[in-house]
Amino acid sequence: MSRWSPMVAGGTVVGPDDASLAAIGTNPLDPATRRPAAEAGRAQGRELRLRWTRA
């Protein structure tokens, strides 16, 4: 069974940028990197310019 919903017609996948990857480090489960990774991810999100359309 697929983990993706068949109701989804399309979307955009955004992966971590270089700053986010650096903040995540080598162990994404390390609690010490949680805050820096979240802050880097929010900064990346503020810079995104995604095209939105109505369904």
PDB file of N, CA and C in Angstrom:
ATOM      1  N   MET A   1       0.841  -1.182   0.000  1.00  0.00           N
ATOM      2  CA  MET A   1       0.000   0.000   0.000  1.00  0.00           C
ATOM      3  C   MET A   1       0.885   1.244   0.000  1.00  0.00           C
ATOM      4  N   SER A   2       0.551   2.184  -0.845  1.00  0.00           N
ATOM      5  CA  SER A   2       1.325   3.417  -0.939  1.00  0.00           C
ATOM      6  C   SER A   2       1.054   4.305   0.267  1.00  0.00           C
ATOM      7  N   ARG A   3       2.073   5.016   0.707  1.00  0.00           N
ATOM      8  CA  ARG A   3       1.849   5.951   1.813  1.00  0.00           C
ATOM      9  C   ARG A   3       1.334   7.289   1.312  1.00  0.00           C
ATOM     10  N   TRP A   4       1.235   7.477   0.010  1.00  0.00           N
ATOM     11  CA  TRP A   4       0.738   8.727  -0.567  1.00  0.00           C
ATOM     12  C   TRP A   4      -0.739   8.596  -0.861  1.00  0.00           C
ATOM     13  N   SER A   5      -1.477   9.622  -0.597  1.00  0.00           N
ATOM     14  CA  SER A   5      -2.917   9.606  -0.817  1.00  0.00           C
ATOM     15  C   SER A   5      -3.229   9.703  -2.306  1.00  0.00           C
ATOM     16  N   PRO A   6      -4.111   8.857  -2.809  1.00  0.00           N
ATOM     17  CA  PRO A   6      -4.484   8.953  -4.221  1.00  0.00           C
ATOM     18  C   PRO A   6      -5.299  10.214  -4.519  1.00  0.00           C
ATOM     19  N   MET A   7      -5.723  10.936  -3.490  1.00  0.00           N
ATOM     20  CA  MET A   7      -6.517  12.150  -3.680  1.00  0.00           C
ATOM     21  C   MET A   7      -5.644  13.353  -4.056  1.00  0.00           C
ATOM     22  N   VAL A   8      -4.346  13.243  -3.853  1.00  0.00           N
ATOM     23  CA  VAL A   8      -3.440  14.351  -4.134  1.00  0.00           C
ATOM     24  C   VAL A   8      -3.117  14.359  -5.624  1.00  0.00           C
ATOM     25  N   ALA A   9      -3.388  15.478  -6.280  1.00  0.00           N
ATOM     26  CA  ALA A   9      -3.152  15.585  -7.722  1.00  0.00           C
ATOM     27  C   ALA A   9      -1.735  16.030  -8.048  1.00  0.00           C
ATOM     28  N   GLY A  10      -1.114  16.768  -7.189  1.00  0.00           N
ATOM     29  CA  GLY A  10       0.230  17.269  -7.456  1.00  0.00           C
ATOM     30  C   GLY A  10       0.746  18.015  -6.250  1.00  0.00           C
ATOM     31  N   GLY A  11       1.982  18.413  -6.329  1.00  0.00           N
ATOM     32  CA  GLY A  11       2.540  19.146  -5.204  1.00  0.00           C
ATOM     33  C   GLY A  11       3.981  19.509  -5.457  1.00  0.00           C
ATOM     34  N   THR A  12       4.563  20.145  -4.488  1.00  0.00           N
ATOM     35  CA  THR A  12       5.956  20.557  -4.559  1.00  0.00           C
ATOM     36  C   THR A  12       6.687  19.991  -3.363  1.00  0.00           C
ATOM     37  N   VAL A  13       7.785  19.337  -3.611  1.00  0.00           N
ATOM     38  CA  VAL A  13       8.615  18.804  -2.533  1.00  0.00           C
ATOM     39  C   VAL A  13       9.787  19.766  -2.346  1.00  0.00           C
ATOM     40  N   VAL A  14       9.961  20.209  -1.131  1.00  0.00           N
ATOM     41  CA  VAL A  14      11.055  21.121  -0.808  1.00  0.00           C
ATOM     42  C   VAL A  14      12.003  20.393   0.134  1.00  0.00           C
ATOM     43  N   GLY A  15      13.232  20.223  -0.281  1.00  0.00           N
ATOM     44  CA  GLY A  15      14.245  19.597   0.553  1.00  0.00           C
ATOM     45  C   GLY A  15      15.060  20.648   1.271  1.00  0.00           C
ATOM     46  N   PRO A  16      15.852  20.227   2.221  1.00  0.00           N
ATOM     47  CA  PRO A  16      16.662  21.193   2.965  1.00  0.00           C
ATOM     48  C   PRO A  16      17.742  21.826   2.097  1.00  0.00           C
ATOM     49  N   ASP A  17      17.957  23.125   2.295  1.00  0.00           N
ATOM     50  CA  ASP A  17      19.045  23.808   1.595  1.00  0.00           C
ATOM     51  C   ASP A  17      20.355  23.546   2.341  1.00  0.00           C
ATOM     52  N   ASP A  18      21.446  24.129   1.869  1.00  0.00           N
ATOM     53  CA  ASP A  18      22.761  23.877   2.472  1.00  0.00           C
ATOM     54  C   ASP A  18      22.815  24.288   3.942  1.00  0.00           C
ATOM     55  N   ALA A  19      22.222  25.426   4.269  1.00  0.00           N
ATOM     56  CA  ALA A  19      22.239  25.885   5.661  1.00  0.00           C
ATOM     57  C   ALA A  19      21.444  24.939   6.562  1.00  0.00           C
ATOM     58  N   SER A  20      20.323  24.451   6.068  1.00  0.00           N
ATOM     59  CA  SER A  20      19.519  23.510   6.851  1.00  0.00           C
ATOM     60  C   SER A  20      20.253  22.184   7.029  1.00  0.00           C
ATOM     61  N   LEU A  21      20.881  21.702   5.955  1.00  0.00           N
ATOM     62  CA  LEU A  21      21.644  20.457   6.052  1.00  0.00           C
ATOM     63  C   LEU A  21      22.784  20.586   7.066  1.00  0.00           C
ATOM     64  N   ALA A  22      23.444  21.732   7.049  1.00  0.00           N
ATOM     65  CA  ALA A  22      24.531  21.955   8.010  1.00  0.00           C
ATOM     66  C   ALA A  22      23.987  21.972   9.440  1.00  0.00           C
ATOM     67  N   ALA A  23      22.813  22.577   9.633  1.00  0.00           N
ATOM     68  CA  ALA A  23      22.219  22.639  10.968  1.00  0.00           C
ATOM     69  C   ALA A  23      21.740  21.264  11.431  1.00  0.00           C
ATOM     70  N   ILE A  24      21.264  20.455  10.509  1.00  0.00           N
ATOM     71  CA  ILE A  24      20.810  19.102  10.857  1.00  0.00           C
ATOM     72  C   ILE A  24      21.997  18.247  11.295  1.00  0.00           C
ATOM     73  N   GLY A  25      23.113  18.407  10.607  1.00  0.00           N
ATOM     74  CA  GLY A  25      24.311  17.641  10.942  1.00  0.00           C
ATOM     75  C   GLY A  25      24.223  16.205  10.457  1.00  0.00           C
ATOM     76  N   THR A  26      25.042  15.348  11.049  1.00  0.00           N
ATOM     77  CA  THR A  26      25.117  13.957  10.604  1.00  0.00           C
ATOM     78  C   THR A  26      24.060  13.070  11.243  1.00  0.00           C
ATOM     79  N   ASN A  27      23.450  13.529  12.332  1.00  0.00           N
ATOM     80  CA  ASN A  27      22.428  12.740  13.008  1.00  0.00           C
ATOM     81  C   ASN A  27      21.168  13.577  13.166  1.00  0.00           C
ATOM     82  N   PRO A  28      20.187  13.394  12.286  1.00  0.00           N
ATOM     83  CA  PRO A  28      18.975  14.217  12.356  1.00  0.00           C
ATOM     84  C   PRO A  28      18.138  13.965  13.612  1.00  0.00           C
ATOM     85  N   LEU A  29      18.436  12.922  14.358  1.00  0.00           N
ATOM     86  CA  LEU A  29      17.685  12.628  15.584  1.00  0.00           C
ATOM     87  C   LEU A  29      18.351  13.196  16.834  1.00  0.00           C
ATOM     88  N   ASP A  30      19.486  13.859  16.672  1.00  0.00           N
ATOM     89  CA  ASP A  30      20.199  14.445  17.801  1.00  0.00           C
ATOM     90  C   ASP A  30      19.413  15.645  18.328  1.00  0.00           C
ATOM     91  N   PRO A  31      18.966  15.599  19.584  1.00  0.00           N
ATOM     92  CA  PRO A  31      18.181  16.713  20.126  1.00  0.00           C
ATOM     93  C   PRO A  31      18.933  18.047  20.116  1.00  0.00           C
ATOM     94  N   ALA A  32      20.244  18.017  20.131  1.00  0.00           N
ATOM     95  CA  ALA A  32      21.023  19.257  20.147  1.00  0.00           C
ATOM     96  C   ALA A  32      20.890  20.034  18.843  1.00  0.00           C
ATOM     97  N   THR A  33      20.528  19.345  17.757  1.00  0.00           N
ATOM     98  CA  THR A  33      20.405  20.036  16.469  1.00  0.00           C
ATOM     99  C   THR A  33      18.967  20.451  16.163  1.00  0.00           C
ATOM    100  N   ARG A  34      18.036  20.118  17.039  1.00  0.00           N
ATOM    101  CA  ARG A  34      16.625  20.399  16.763  1.00  0.00           C
ATOM    102  C   ARG A  34      16.357  21.893  16.553  1.00  0.00           C
ATOM    103  N   ARG A  35      16.778  22.707  17.498  1.00  0.00           N
ATOM    104  CA  ARG A  35      16.507  24.147  17.381  1.00  0.00           C
ATOM    105  C   ARG A  35      17.234  24.795  16.198  1.00  0.00           C
ATOM    106  N   PRO A  36      18.550  24.563  16.043  1.00  0.00           N
ATOM    107  CA  PRO A  36      19.232  25.154  14.882  1.00  0.00           C
ATOM    108  C   PRO A  36      18.629  24.695  13.551  1.00  0.00           C
ATOM    109  N   ALA A  37      18.237  23.426  13.468  1.00  0.00           N
ATOM    110  CA  ALA A  37      17.643  22.920  12.230  1.00  0.00           C
ATOM    111  C   ALA A  37      16.284  23.571  11.975  1.00  0.00           C
ATOM    112  N   ALA A  38      15.503  23.737  13.021  1.00  0.00           N
ATOM    113  CA  ALA A  38      14.192  24.380  12.868  1.00  0.00           C
ATOM    114  C   ALA A  38      14.349  25.838  12.441  1.00  0.00           C
ATOM    115  N   GLU A  39      15.294  26.537  13.038  1.00  0.00           N
ATOM    116  CA  GLU A  39      15.521  27.932  12.664  1.00  0.00           C
ATOM    117  C   GLU A  39      16.008  28.056  11.222  1.00  0.00           C
ATOM    118  N   ALA A  40      16.895  27.153  10.803  1.00  0.00           N
ATOM    119  CA  ALA A  40      17.378  27.173   9.418  1.00  0.00           C
ATOM    120  C   ALA A  40      16.245  26.837   8.453  1.00  0.00           C
ATOM    121  N   GLY A  41      15.399  25.893   8.825  1.00  0.00           N
ATOM    122  CA  GLY A  41      14.259  25.534   7.981  1.00  0.00           C
ATOM    123  C   GLY A  41      13.260  26.669   7.854  1.00  0.00           C
ATOM    124  N   ARG A  42      12.999  27.361   8.944  1.00  0.00           N
ATOM    125  CA  ARG A  42      12.088  28.518   8.875  1.00  0.00           C
ATOM    126  C   ARG A  42      12.683  29.620   8.014  1.00  0.00           C
ATOM    127  N   ALA A  43      13.983  29.848   8.116  1.00  0.00           N
ATOM    128  CA  ALA A  43      14.638  30.861   7.277  1.00  0.00           C
ATOM    129  C   ALA A  43      14.523  30.468   5.801  1.00  0.00           C
ATOM    130  N   GLN A  44      14.726  29.188   5.510  1.00  0.00           N
ATOM    131  CA  GLN A  44      14.582  28.713   4.131  1.00  0.00           C
ATOM    132  C   GLN A  44      13.148  28.926   3.646  1.00  0.00           C
ATOM    133  N   GLY A  45      12.187  28.603   4.481  1.00  0.00           N
ATOM    134  CA  GLY A  45      10.784  28.761   4.110  1.00  0.00           C
ATOM    135  C   GLY A  45      10.405  30.201   3.825  1.00  0.00           C
ATOM    136  N   ARG A  46      10.975  31.126   4.579  1.00  0.00           N
ATOM    137  CA  ARG A  46      10.673  32.549   4.338  1.00  0.00           C
ATOM    138  C   ARG A  46      11.196  33.017   2.982  1.00  0.00           C
ATOM    139  N   GLU A  47      12.227  32.365   2.484  1.00  0.00           N
ATOM    140  CA  GLU A  47      12.827  32.750   1.203  1.00  0.00           C
ATOM    141  C   GLU A  47      12.169  32.079  -0.004  1.00  0.00           C
ATOM    142  N   LEU A  48      11.347  31.073   0.234  1.00  0.00           N
ATOM    143  CA  LEU A  48      10.720  30.348  -0.880  1.00  0.00           C
ATOM    144  C   LEU A  48       9.723  31.227  -1.622  1.00  0.00           C
ATOM    145  N   ARG A  49       9.686  31.047  -2.899  1.00  0.00           N
ATOM    146  CA  ARG A  49       8.708  31.742  -3.739  1.00  0.00           C
ATOM    147  C   ARG A  49       7.986  30.674  -4.554  1.00  0.00           C
ATOM    148  N   LEU A  50       6.984  30.057  -3.924  1.00  0.00           N
ATOM    149  CA  LEU A  50       6.227  29.003  -4.585  1.00  0.00           C
ATOM    150  C   LEU A  50       5.021  29.590  -5.309  1.00  0.00           C
ATOM    151  N   ARG A  51       4.690  28.987  -6.425  1.00  0.00           N
ATOM    152  CA  ARG A  51       3.536  29.439  -7.186  1.00  0.00           C
ATOM    153  C   ARG A  51       2.292  28.716  -6.662  1.00  0.00           C
ATOM    154  N   TRP A  52       1.312  29.490  -6.229  1.00  0.00           N
ATOM    155  CA  TRP A  52       0.067  28.925  -5.708  1.00  0.00           C
ATOM    156  C   TRP A  52      -1.019  29.045  -6.766  1.00  0.00           C
ATOM    157  N   THR A  53      -1.808  28.017  -6.891  1.00  0.00           N
ATOM    158  CA  THR A  53      -2.928  28.031  -7.820  1.00  0.00           C
ATOM    159  C   THR A  53      -4.179  27.544  -7.109  1.00  0.00           C
ATOM    160  N   ARG A  54      -5.311  27.939  -7.623  1.00  0.00           N
ATOM    161  CA  ARG A  54      -6.587  27.460  -7.059  1.00  0.00           C
ATOM    162  C   ARG A  54      -6.967  26.159  -7.734  1.00  0.00           C
ATOM    163  N   ALA A  55      -7.611  25.312  -6.970  1.00  0.00           N
ATOM    164  CA  ALA A  55      -8.056  24.017  -7.510  1.00  0.00           C
ATOM    165  C   ALA A  55      -9.319  24.189  -8.330  1.00  0.00           C
TER     166      ALA A  55
END
